[in-house]
Structures are given as structure tokens and as C-alpha cells.
Amino acid sequence: GLALETAVYILNMVPSKSVETTPYEMWKGRKPNFSQFRIWGSLAHVLVQEAGKLEKCSEARVFVGYPKGMKDGLFYSPEDSKVIVSTNARFLEEDYIMNHKPAIMLKSIRILLAVAAHMDYEVWQMDVKTVFVNENLQEDIYMQQPEGFIAKGHEHLVCTLNRSIYGLKQALRSWNIRFDEVIQSYGFTQCPDEHCVYKKNNASMVVFLMLYVDDILLIGNSKKELLDVKVWLSKQSDMKDLGEAGHILGIRVIRDRNKRMLCLFQSSYIGTVMARFSMQDSKKDTLPFRKGIHLSKEISPKTSQEIEDMKTVLYASAVGSLMYAMLCARSDISYAVGLVARYQSIPGREHCSAVKHILKYLRKTKEYMLVYRENNLLPLGYSDSDFQSDRDESKSTSSYVFTLGGGAISWRSAKQKCVADSTMEAEYIAASEAAKEAIWLRNFLVDLEVITSLPRGITVYCDNSGA
């Protein structure tokens, strides 16, 4: 009954073929509000009225419709079979909870490549051809019958999926669950601080496996063991052997085994970005951001005409392209990209000029590389902060960078979440963020078990004696 009432309620809100307007507009004389629409049967956490301090403040119920003449919702409880009316509810409109898969962090890739350069490990690559199909599903999923499959008299039937297919939200996670089970059955163990990194080692042999989407990176000191892993993986799924790693997620990898040197750079990606935004013939610049330029919301468009003119500018797209370069191998543009990224909602001409300035800098420096050498394999950190540089909220910007084997492995530049009252406080906040990163970094390196003389704490340098 409630399902039928909800269906009729929604039909009265949508246009029909017979008239140009909706039944709701004909009766009420105003357009319907679609913001209150929810997925029928979805889970919701409903506020419990007059709950005690030590009692739960919400309970899980199922959304089953709309009360007549009210904007509230009807919620059904399977436990007591009661239906209540409530306005205070948080909806979980997905029909399953765990749809994500772990994604490898780029800093983890850089760390292992720095280790490979120092130890002169092999770095090999494989590609999984059929990554999203034929995996088991944990949920009951139904789909419409495909074209050419529908039999006469059975048009009302639907298909039940027994296996994952391409395009499902569960596809990535289903694949990851199966891969995790398979790879651990071969003797690999998952790193607790990075779930996309697996290791297999003994007294004389070490192999690391990194999974990023449908690509696999193998790093180790034993060619025989790496070949055995490749053969075994090929038996589990349709694989393509890519040989020594040359490109990882759009990052070019160059090695000099004699000098134990490994370089990461993105000249090809930067060239593509320049062509996309018609900057391939622009002037070059020596700095990513000009001194004396102050960005704020005050210089954003004010009039409707200015806002309309800026709609044709691909500001957010350009910032996103810069962000990917910054996340992969260009730590030198972190501060500048962090500034321009704050104004993606309503950018102005000055904001666009700042983005172009970063692009000009990248054009001049597109051959810049992250270089990892046979240096001392001990991580070092550096933290810094400005003071109330943000003109909109008077907040400071924290930055830190960590190096390993002579090259940067982790970096961040972000606006602080609170207003610092002094330079010492701003520096202390920045140092605190760097310390948190140092803890994760040390835990990850300990899990890898490749650095025998790792100190108990990682040194982080800060240029403020008070902090």
C-alpha cells in the first residue's frame, strides 16, 4: 500500500504526455519541489526523540513514503513493524555500504622506487586485461534483460547477476577482494599502513607487489622469484607482461643502474596539458607564483555579466590538471596550486592569470625530475608556514616535504583549519602536521623491513625556534 501511494505521489510530480505541465502544477499553481525525493526502500538513520545521554540518538529505519500534505517521511522499522513520521533523518541511499576499493597512495610508489634505486632492485610491470569481470558478488543485483535476449511472453522478467560485470559500482571492490585472497594465498602479506602494497621476504629474498587499479608493479632483488610471481599471476588471470617499468600512472621512469639512479618526470603529460589549454606557444616563466600577487574572493566576478563571461573559462579543469602533476612528481608547484584551487567556484580574471603563470612555469621546467640516488636511505622532513596569507579568512598555510634517497617522497601544502595568532603558532601547526606524516612514514618503512638502521624517530626540521 505505501509503495503504491509513493508511486502515485511521484507520478503526480512529473510531466505527462497528455499535458505540458505536471498534475501538481495544475492543482497547486506552483512548480513541485524535487529536493524531498528519496529512493524508496533506502536505509535512513532517524533521530530518536527524547533520547537519554547514554542512549543511542538514532535508529536505523527504512524509508517507505511521504505523509499526505507533509514534507516529512514515513519510516518503517523491521524490528517492531511500526511506521513513524519524522523530519530528522539521514539517508543512506546506496543499497550496499562497501563499494570502494583501496587506492594506492602516490607517495607509497615513490617510497618503494627510492628503495629500489638505493638497493638496485628490479622494477617490473604487469597489466591485468580482464579486471572487472567474473568476480563474485556479495549483494543481490538485478538488471534489465539485454537486447536480443528477451523471449516473447517473458518481457516482465529481469536478470539476476551471479558475477560482476563492467560498469557495476561493486566491480572494483569485487576484483580487489578476489585479488587480495589470491595474492595472500601465494605467500604475500598485506602492509597494514598501505593496503595496496604486499610483501614477500625471507633472509635473502624480498619481493614487493603494488596494485594500482588494473596495473601491477613488482619490485625485488631476485629475478627468479619475480619470474615465478609473474608466471603464477598469469595463471590466475589474463595478464600482459610489460617488462621493466617505463611509465607509471603517466609518470615516466628512467634508470641508470650503474649509478643507482632512478628519475621520475612528467614532460609528456605537461606537454599534453599545454596543448589542451592552448599554452604550448606561451612565454616561459621562472617561478610558479609571482611575488606581490594576492588572491582573494574580493577579485571574483560580481556582476551577472562577469559571471557569465567566466563560465566559458576552463578554470577548474586547468586546476585539476595542475593538481595531478603536483601530486605525482612536481612538488615545486604545491603552494601555487593550493592557492588557485581555493577559487574554483567563482574564479576571476586575476585567478586565471595565476593559473596561466603556473602553466608557463611548467612549460619552462617540464624536464625537471625527481631523482633518487644511492644516498643514505634515511628519511628527513622539513616543515614551514607563512602567517595569515589568506585574505579571506586570515588563515596561514602549512607546508612540509620528506625526502628519501636524495629525492622528495611526500609533500603537502594546505591552508590551516584555524586562525593562528602568531608566527610561532602557525609554525607549530605546520610542524604538527609534518610529525603526523613522519609517524606514518616510519611505520610504513618498518613494515617494508628493508632499512635495518631506521631510527626510532624521523628528524623534522622547522625554522622557528619557538615552535
Protein backbone atom coordinates (compact mmCIF):
# COMPACT_ATOMS: atom_id res chain seq x y z
CA GLY A 1 0.00 0.00 0.00
CA LEU A 2 2.71 2.51 0.95
CA ALA A 3 4.71 1.62 -2.16
CA LEU A 4 1.68 2.24 -4.38
CA GLU A 5 0.91 5.56 -2.67
CA THR A 6 4.51 6.69 -3.14
CA ALA A 7 4.43 5.75 -6.83
CA VAL A 8 1.23 7.77 -7.36
CA TYR A 9 2.71 10.70 -5.43
CA ILE A 10 5.78 10.77 -7.68
CA LEU A 11 3.73 10.39 -10.88
CA ASN A 12 1.75 13.48 -9.93
CA MET A 13 5.04 15.39 -9.70
CA VAL A 14 6.40 14.55 -13.16
CA PRO A 15 5.25 15.68 -16.63
CA SER A 16 2.86 13.56 -18.66
CA LYS A 17 2.30 13.12 -22.40
CA SER A 18 -1.25 14.46 -22.33
CA VAL A 19 -0.46 17.91 -20.89
CA GLU A 20 2.56 20.22 -20.98
CA THR A 21 2.71 20.66 -17.22
CA THR A 22 2.61 18.34 -14.21
CA PRO A 23 -0.60 17.40 -12.34
CA TYR A 24 0.88 19.02 -9.22
CA GLU A 25 1.22 22.39 -11.01
CA MET A 26 -2.35 22.18 -12.29
CA TRP A 27 -3.71 21.59 -8.79
CA LYS A 28 -1.40 23.78 -6.72
CA GLY A 29 -0.49 26.51 -9.20
CA ARG A 30 3.26 26.21 -8.46
CA LYS A 31 6.14 24.01 -9.50
CA PRO A 32 6.87 20.93 -7.36
CA ASN A 33 9.93 20.72 -5.14
CA PHE A 34 12.01 17.69 -6.06
CA SER A 35 14.59 18.12 -3.29
CA GLN A 36 12.48 16.00 -0.92
CA PHE A 37 12.52 12.96 -3.21
CA ARG A 38 14.27 9.92 -1.77
CA ILE A 39 14.89 6.39 -3.01
CA TRP A 40 12.03 4.21 -1.81
CA GLY A 41 13.29 1.43 0.45
CA SER A 42 16.60 3.13 1.22
CA LEU A 43 18.13 2.97 4.68
CA ALA A 44 17.95 6.04 6.94
CA HIS A 45 19.09 6.91 10.44
CA VAL A 46 16.14 8.59 12.17
CA LEU A 47 16.56 10.83 15.21
CA VAL A 48 15.25 9.32 18.44
CA GLN A 49 13.20 11.92 20.29
CA GLU A 50 13.91 12.39 24.00
CA ALA A 51 16.87 10.01 23.99
CA GLY A 52 18.94 9.87 27.17
CA LYS A 53 22.56 10.98 27.33
CA LEU A 54 23.83 7.41 27.35
CA GLU A 55 21.30 6.08 24.84
CA LYS A 56 21.67 5.96 21.08
CA CYS A 57 20.39 9.13 19.44
CA SER A 58 19.31 7.50 16.16
CA GLU A 59 17.97 4.20 14.90
CA ALA A 60 18.08 2.53 11.50
CA ARG A 61 14.78 2.52 9.60
CA VAL A 62 13.62 2.05 6.01
CA PHE A 63 12.09 4.92 4.02
CA VAL A 64 8.63 3.85 2.78
CA GLY A 65 6.88 7.01 1.61
CA TYR A 66 5.61 10.55 2.17
CA PRO A 67 2.82 11.57 4.59
CA LYS A 68 -0.15 13.26 2.92
CA GLY A 69 0.18 17.03 2.93
CA MET A 70 3.51 16.92 4.78
CA LYS A 71 7.16 17.21 3.79
CA ASP A 72 8.26 14.62 6.32
CA GLY A 73 9.00 10.98 5.59
CA LEU A 74 7.49 7.67 6.61
CA PHE A 75 9.99 5.25 8.11
CA TYR A 76 9.47 1.56 8.80
CA SER A 77 11.27 -0.43 11.50
CA PRO A 78 11.67 -4.18 10.77
CA GLU A 79 12.22 -4.84 14.48
CA ASP A 80 8.81 -3.70 15.74
CA SER A 81 6.96 -3.42 12.37
CA LYS A 82 5.98 0.18 13.15
CA VAL A 83 5.84 3.13 10.75
CA ILE A 84 6.70 6.57 12.11
CA VAL A 85 6.73 10.11 10.69
CA SER A 86 9.95 12.09 11.05
CA THR A 87 11.69 15.13 9.59
CA ASN A 88 15.08 14.45 11.16
CA ALA A 89 16.66 11.64 9.15
CA ARG A 90 19.95 11.00 7.44
CA PHE A 91 19.55 8.91 4.30
CA LEU A 92 21.91 6.19 3.09
CA GLU A 93 20.52 5.79 -0.40
CA GLU A 94 23.06 3.23 -1.57
CA ASP A 95 21.74 -0.32 -1.49
CA TYR A 96 25.13 -1.50 -0.30
CA ILE A 97 27.65 0.06 2.07
CA MET A 98 31.13 -1.07 0.98
CA ASN A 99 31.51 -0.11 -2.68
CA HIS A 100 35.02 1.31 -2.60
CA LYS A 101 38.36 -0.36 -3.09
CA PRO A 102 41.64 0.75 -1.55
CA ALA A 103 43.66 3.04 -3.82
CA ILE A 104 47.41 3.16 -3.61
CA MET A 105 48.90 6.45 -2.48
CA LEU A 106 51.39 8.00 -4.87
CA LYS A 107 53.83 8.56 -2.03
CA SER A 108 53.94 4.80 -1.46
CA ILE A 109 55.04 4.29 -5.07
CA ARG A 110 57.74 6.93 -4.70
CA ILE A 111 59.00 5.39 -1.45
CA LEU A 112 59.38 1.94 -2.98
CA LEU A 113 61.04 3.36 -6.09
CA ALA A 114 63.51 5.24 -3.87
CA VAL A 115 64.24 1.96 -2.08
CA ALA A 116 64.65 0.20 -5.44
CA ALA A 117 67.14 2.84 -6.60
CA HIS A 118 69.18 2.57 -3.40
CA MET A 119 69.16 -1.25 -3.28
CA ASP A 120 69.39 -1.71 -7.07
CA TYR A 121 66.20 -3.80 -7.09
CA GLU A 122 64.40 -4.90 -10.23
CA VAL A 123 61.27 -2.87 -11.11
CA TRP A 124 58.88 -4.78 -13.38
CA GLN A 125 55.34 -4.07 -14.54
CA MET A 126 52.27 -6.11 -15.47
CA ASP A 127 48.78 -5.27 -16.69
CA VAL A 128 45.58 -7.14 -15.87
CA LYS A 129 43.47 -7.45 -19.04
CA THR A 130 40.16 -8.66 -17.55
CA VAL A 131 39.97 -6.89 -14.23
CA PHE A 132 36.26 -6.18 -13.73
CA VAL A 133 34.54 -9.35 -14.92
CA ASN A 134 33.67 -12.74 -13.49
CA GLU A 135 34.14 -11.76 -9.85
CA ASN A 136 31.77 -12.99 -7.14
CA LEU A 137 29.18 -10.57 -5.80
CA GLN A 138 28.17 -10.14 -2.18
CA GLU A 139 24.88 -8.36 -2.95
CA ASP A 140 21.72 -9.35 -4.80
CA ILE A 141 21.75 -7.32 -8.02
CA TYR A 142 19.18 -7.35 -10.80
CA MET A 143 19.34 -5.87 -14.30
CA GLN A 144 17.06 -5.49 -17.28
CA GLN A 145 17.26 -8.16 -19.94
CA PRO A 146 19.74 -7.19 -22.69
CA GLU A 147 18.53 -6.57 -26.24
CA GLY A 148 18.06 -9.74 -28.25
CA PHE A 149 17.69 -11.83 -25.11
CA ILE A 150 14.05 -11.08 -24.31
CA ALA A 151 11.73 -14.01 -25.06
CA LYS A 152 8.13 -13.43 -26.06
CA GLY A 153 5.85 -13.63 -23.06
CA HIS A 154 8.74 -13.05 -20.62
CA GLU A 155 9.23 -9.33 -21.11
CA HIS A 156 8.46 -8.71 -17.43
CA LEU A 157 11.40 -10.78 -16.19
CA VAL A 158 14.78 -9.42 -15.10
CA CYS A 159 18.23 -10.98 -14.85
CA THR A 160 19.95 -11.89 -11.59
CA LEU A 161 23.68 -11.22 -11.67
CA ASN A 162 25.82 -14.07 -10.39
CA ARG A 163 29.11 -12.41 -11.35
CA SER A 164 30.41 -8.87 -11.59
CA ILE A 165 30.21 -7.10 -14.96
CA TYR A 166 31.91 -3.97 -16.24
CA GLY A 167 30.21 -0.79 -15.06
CA LEU A 168 28.98 -2.02 -11.68
CA LYS A 169 29.84 0.13 -8.70
CA GLN A 170 30.84 -3.07 -6.93
CA ALA A 171 33.16 -4.16 -9.75
CA LEU A 172 36.33 -2.57 -8.41
CA ARG A 173 35.82 -3.84 -4.88
CA SER A 174 34.86 -7.34 -6.04
CA TRP A 175 38.07 -7.51 -8.06
CA ASN A 176 40.14 -6.22 -5.14
CA ILE A 177 38.67 -8.76 -2.71
CA ARG A 178 39.48 -11.63 -5.07
CA PHE A 179 42.98 -10.33 -5.80
CA ASP A 180 43.70 -9.93 -2.09
CA GLU A 181 42.66 -13.53 -1.40
CA VAL A 182 44.67 -14.89 -4.32
CA ILE A 183 47.88 -12.95 -3.67
CA GLN A 184 47.93 -13.78 0.03
CA SER A 185 47.46 -17.47 -0.75
CA TYR A 186 50.79 -17.32 -2.61
CA GLY A 187 52.63 -16.14 0.49
CA PHE A 188 52.39 -12.37 0.21
CA THR A 189 51.32 -10.32 3.23
CA GLN A 190 49.48 -7.02 3.07
CA CYS A 191 51.10 -3.92 4.56
CA PRO A 192 48.83 -2.60 7.35
CA ASP A 193 49.59 1.05 6.52
CA GLU A 194 49.13 0.69 2.75
CA HIS A 195 46.62 -1.93 1.67
CA CYS A 196 47.71 -1.89 -1.97
CA VAL A 197 51.27 -2.94 -1.12
CA TYR A 198 52.14 -6.60 -0.49
CA LYS A 199 55.48 -8.08 0.53
CA LYS A 200 57.10 -11.50 0.48
CA ASN A 201 60.54 -11.87 2.01
CA ASN A 202 62.94 -14.16 3.82
CA ALA A 203 66.59 -13.96 4.85
CA SER A 204 67.95 -13.39 1.32
CA MET A 205 64.94 -12.60 -0.88
CA VAL A 206 62.49 -9.70 -0.93
CA VAL A 207 59.60 -9.01 -3.33
CA PHE A 208 57.11 -6.15 -3.20
CA LEU A 209 53.89 -6.07 -5.18
CA MET A 210 51.96 -2.84 -5.71
CA LEU A 211 48.45 -2.83 -7.15
CA TYR A 212 47.09 0.34 -8.70
CA VAL A 213 43.69 -0.21 -10.39
CA ASP A 214 44.49 -2.84 -13.05
CA ASP A 215 48.29 -2.45 -13.12
CA ILE A 216 50.82 -4.33 -11.03
CA LEU A 217 54.31 -3.19 -10.10
CA LEU A 218 56.81 -5.83 -8.94
CA ILE A 219 59.97 -4.78 -7.08
CA GLY A 220 62.56 -7.18 -5.71
CA ASN A 221 66.14 -8.41 -5.56
CA SER A 222 65.59 -11.88 -7.03
CA LYS A 223 64.86 -12.21 -10.75
CA LYS A 224 63.97 -15.88 -10.30
CA GLU A 225 61.37 -15.09 -7.64
CA LEU A 226 59.95 -12.22 -9.69
CA LEU A 227 59.61 -14.51 -12.72
CA ASP A 228 57.88 -17.12 -10.58
CA VAL A 229 55.42 -14.47 -9.36
CA LYS A 230 54.76 -13.38 -12.95
CA VAL A 231 54.07 -16.95 -14.08
CA TRP A 232 51.80 -17.60 -11.13
CA LEU A 233 49.85 -14.35 -11.65
CA SER A 234 49.38 -15.18 -15.34
CA LYS A 235 47.76 -18.47 -14.32
CA GLN A 236 45.29 -16.65 -12.06
CA SER A 237 44.13 -14.05 -14.60
CA ASP A 238 44.77 -12.84 -18.13
CA MET A 239 47.94 -10.75 -17.74
CA LYS A 240 50.19 -8.74 -20.03
CA ASP A 241 53.89 -8.59 -19.19
CA LEU A 242 55.15 -5.02 -19.70
CA GLY A 243 58.77 -5.76 -18.77
CA GLU A 244 60.78 -3.15 -16.89
CA ALA A 245 58.64 -0.26 -15.67
CA GLY A 246 58.78 2.72 -18.03
CA HIS A 247 55.55 4.57 -17.28
CA ILE A 248 53.58 4.50 -14.03
CA LEU A 249 50.26 6.39 -13.96
CA GLY A 250 51.52 8.86 -16.56
CA ILE A 251 54.90 9.27 -14.84
CA ARG A 252 58.00 8.46 -16.90
CA VAL A 253 60.60 6.29 -15.15
CA ILE A 254 64.27 6.45 -16.19
CA ARG A 255 67.01 4.39 -14.54
CA ASP A 256 70.80 4.38 -14.56
CA ARG A 257 71.70 1.07 -12.93
CA ASN A 258 75.43 1.80 -12.91
CA LYS A 259 74.93 4.98 -10.87
CA ARG A 260 71.99 3.51 -8.94
CA MET A 261 69.84 6.42 -10.02
CA LEU A 262 66.10 6.48 -10.71
CA CYS A 263 64.28 9.54 -12.12
CA LEU A 264 60.58 10.43 -12.29
CA PHE A 265 59.26 13.17 -14.56
CA GLN A 266 56.13 14.16 -16.49
CA SER A 267 57.27 16.04 -19.58
CA SER A 268 54.82 14.18 -21.82
CA TYR A 269 51.86 14.84 -19.51
CA ILE A 270 52.80 18.51 -19.16
CA GLY A 271 53.01 18.82 -22.95
CA THR A 272 49.50 17.38 -23.25
CA VAL A 273 48.21 19.86 -20.66
CA MET A 274 49.83 22.77 -22.52
CA ALA A 275 48.15 21.74 -25.77
CA ARG A 276 44.79 21.24 -24.08
CA PHE A 277 44.74 24.81 -22.77
CA SER A 278 46.49 26.37 -25.81
CA MET A 279 49.62 27.25 -23.84
CA GLN A 280 52.14 25.32 -25.95
CA ASP A 281 53.44 28.54 -27.55
CA SER A 282 53.17 30.77 -24.49
CA LYS A 283 56.04 32.56 -22.80
CA LYS A 284 58.03 30.70 -20.18
CA ASP A 285 58.42 31.76 -16.58
CA THR A 286 60.98 31.02 -13.89
CA LEU A 287 58.66 30.92 -10.86
CA PRO A 288 55.27 29.25 -10.30
CA PHE A 289 53.84 32.27 -8.47
CA ARG A 290 54.61 35.97 -8.60
CA LYS A 291 55.60 37.89 -5.52
CA GLY A 292 53.12 40.61 -4.56
CA ILE A 293 50.08 38.86 -6.09
CA HIS A 294 47.31 38.41 -3.52
CA LEU A 295 44.34 36.24 -4.46
CA SER A 296 41.02 36.53 -2.66
CA LYS A 297 37.27 36.31 -3.18
CA GLU A 298 37.16 40.10 -3.48
CA ILE A 299 38.52 39.88 -7.02
CA SER A 300 35.93 37.28 -8.07
CA PRO A 301 33.20 38.30 -10.56
CA LYS A 302 30.48 40.49 -9.06
CA THR A 303 28.01 41.31 -11.85
CA SER A 304 25.90 38.77 -13.71
CA GLN A 305 27.71 39.65 -16.94
CA GLU A 306 31.12 38.99 -15.40
CA ILE A 307 29.92 35.66 -14.02
CA GLU A 308 28.50 34.70 -17.42
CA ASP A 309 31.78 35.59 -19.16
CA MET A 310 33.79 33.39 -16.78
CA LYS A 311 31.60 30.34 -17.46
CA THR A 312 33.48 29.75 -20.72
CA VAL A 313 36.84 29.60 -18.91
CA LEU A 314 38.02 26.05 -18.10
CA TYR A 315 39.39 27.12 -14.74
CA ALA A 316 38.51 24.04 -12.68
CA SER A 317 39.74 21.75 -15.45
CA ALA A 318 43.09 23.54 -15.59
CA VAL A 319 43.46 23.43 -11.81
CA GLY A 320 42.65 19.70 -11.83
CA SER A 321 45.34 19.07 -14.45
CA LEU A 322 47.86 21.01 -12.38
CA MET A 323 46.85 19.08 -9.26
CA TYR A 324 47.67 15.75 -10.88
CA ALA A 325 51.13 16.96 -11.90
CA MET A 326 51.66 18.29 -8.38
CA LEU A 327 50.57 15.01 -6.76
CA CYS A 328 52.76 12.84 -8.98
CA ALA A 329 56.19 14.43 -9.34
CA ARG A 330 56.01 18.24 -9.18
CA SER A 331 56.26 19.15 -5.53
CA ASP A 332 57.58 22.59 -6.54
CA ILE A 333 54.12 23.82 -7.56
CA SER A 334 52.27 22.62 -4.44
CA TYR A 335 51.95 26.05 -2.83
CA ALA A 336 50.85 27.81 -6.02
CA VAL A 337 48.31 25.12 -6.94
CA GLY A 338 46.93 25.16 -3.41
CA LEU A 339 46.25 28.88 -3.72
CA VAL A 340 44.45 28.82 -7.08
CA ALA A 341 42.44 25.72 -6.07
CA ARG A 342 40.58 27.74 -3.42
CA TYR A 343 38.64 29.75 -6.01
CA GLN A 344 37.22 27.11 -8.34
CA SER A 345 33.60 28.05 -7.57
CA ILE A 346 33.80 31.68 -8.80
CA PRO A 347 37.19 32.43 -10.38
CA GLY A 348 38.05 35.89 -11.65
CA ARG A 349 40.47 37.21 -14.26
CA GLU A 350 43.30 37.51 -11.73
CA HIS A 351 42.78 33.91 -10.65
CA CYS A 352 43.01 32.78 -14.28
CA SER A 353 46.21 34.78 -14.71
CA ALA A 354 47.71 32.96 -11.72
CA VAL A 355 46.83 29.59 -13.28
CA LYS A 356 48.41 30.63 -16.58
CA HIS A 357 51.52 31.69 -14.68
CA ILE A 358 51.86 28.16 -13.26
CA LEU A 359 51.40 26.69 -16.75
CA LYS A 360 54.15 28.98 -18.10
CA TYR A 361 56.45 27.82 -15.32
CA LEU A 362 55.72 24.17 -16.11
CA ARG A 363 56.43 24.79 -19.79
CA LYS A 364 59.88 26.08 -18.89
CA THR A 365 60.58 23.31 -16.37
CA LYS A 366 58.79 20.32 -17.90
CA GLU A 367 62.05 18.34 -17.91
CA TYR A 368 62.50 18.74 -14.15
CA MET A 369 62.76 15.38 -12.38
CA LEU A 370 62.55 13.74 -9.01
CA VAL A 371 65.87 11.94 -8.65
CA TYR A 372 66.56 9.09 -6.22
CA ARG A 373 70.18 8.06 -5.77
CA GLU A 374 72.34 5.70 -3.75
CA ASN A 375 72.25 8.14 -0.86
CA ASN A 376 71.76 7.37 2.80
CA LEU A 377 68.35 5.70 2.97
CA LEU A 378 67.12 7.67 5.97
CA PRO A 379 64.03 9.90 5.68
CA LEU A 380 64.26 13.60 6.54
CA GLY A 381 61.41 16.08 6.95
CA TYR A 382 61.11 19.85 6.57
CA SER A 383 58.13 21.95 7.67
CA ASP A 384 57.32 25.63 7.17
CA SER A 385 54.42 28.06 7.37
CA ASP A 386 53.55 31.58 6.34
CA PHE A 387 51.41 33.83 8.54
CA GLN A 388 47.80 34.76 7.74
CA SER A 389 48.43 34.90 3.99
CA ASP A 390 44.80 34.07 3.23
CA ARG A 391 42.98 37.38 2.85
CA ASP A 392 39.51 35.88 3.09
CA GLU A 393 39.84 34.12 6.45
CA SER A 394 43.21 35.36 7.79
CA LYS A 395 44.49 31.78 7.93
CA SER A 396 48.05 30.61 7.40
CA THR A 397 49.35 27.95 5.01
CA SER A 398 51.24 24.88 6.24
CA SER A 399 53.76 23.02 4.12
CA TYR A 400 56.05 20.05 4.57
CA VAL A 401 58.25 17.78 2.47
CA PHE A 402 60.01 14.50 3.24
CA THR A 403 62.99 13.12 1.33
CA LEU A 404 64.41 9.62 0.97
CA GLY A 405 67.47 8.65 -1.03
CA GLY A 406 68.03 12.26 -2.05
CA GLY A 407 64.58 12.84 -3.58
CA ALA A 408 61.19 14.02 -2.35
CA ILE A 409 58.75 11.24 -1.47
CA SER A 410 55.93 13.07 0.37
CA TRP A 411 54.80 16.68 0.39
CA ARG A 412 51.79 18.83 1.20
CA SER A 413 50.77 22.48 1.17
CA ALA A 414 47.37 23.37 2.63
CA LYS A 415 45.53 26.17 4.37
CA GLN A 416 45.34 25.68 8.11
CA LYS A 417 41.93 24.92 9.62
CA CYS A 418 42.21 27.51 12.40
CA VAL A 419 43.42 31.11 12.68
CA ALA A 420 46.91 31.29 14.19
CA ASP A 421 47.52 34.26 16.49
CA SER A 422 51.29 34.31 15.99
CA THR A 423 54.00 33.04 13.66
CA MET A 424 55.05 30.58 16.37
CA GLU A 425 51.55 29.09 16.49
CA ALA A 426 51.39 28.85 12.69
CA GLU A 427 54.78 27.12 12.60
CA TYR A 428 53.72 24.78 15.42
CA ILE A 429 50.60 23.74 13.49
CA ALA A 430 52.72 23.07 10.40
CA ALA A 431 55.24 21.06 12.43
CA SER A 432 52.39 19.06 13.98
CA GLU A 433 51.09 18.05 10.55
CA ALA A 434 54.62 17.10 9.50
CA ALA A 435 55.03 14.99 12.64
CA LYS A 436 51.84 13.05 11.83
CA GLU A 437 53.20 12.32 8.37
CA ALA A 438 56.54 11.28 9.88
CA ILE A 439 54.77 8.72 12.08
CA TRP A 440 53.00 7.15 9.10
CA LEU A 441 56.20 7.21 7.06
CA ARG A 442 58.22 5.44 9.74
CA ASN A 443 55.50 2.81 10.29
CA PHE A 444 55.40 2.10 6.56
CA LEU A 445 59.19 1.79 6.31
CA VAL A 446 59.23 -0.53 9.33
CA ASP A 447 56.60 -2.72 7.64
CA LEU A 448 58.74 -2.93 4.49
CA GLU A 449 61.67 -4.31 6.53
CA VAL A 450 64.34 -3.01 4.16
CA ILE A 451 66.02 -0.35 6.33
CA THR A 452 67.89 -2.06 9.14
CA SER A 453 69.16 1.09 10.88
CA LEU A 454 65.94 3.11 10.93
CA PRO A 455 65.98 5.45 13.96
CA ARG A 456 63.17 5.48 16.48
CA GLY A 457 62.09 8.93 15.32
CA ILE A 458 62.36 10.75 11.99
CA THR A 459 64.09 14.13 12.07
CA VAL A 460 61.83 17.04 11.04
CA TYR A 461 63.41 20.47 10.60
CA CYS A 462 61.42 23.60 11.48
CA ASP A 463 62.74 27.17 11.03
CA ASN A 464 61.05 28.61 14.12
CA SER A 465 62.85 28.15 17.45
CA GLY A 466 59.68 28.90 19.45
CA ALA A 467 57.74 26.11 17.74
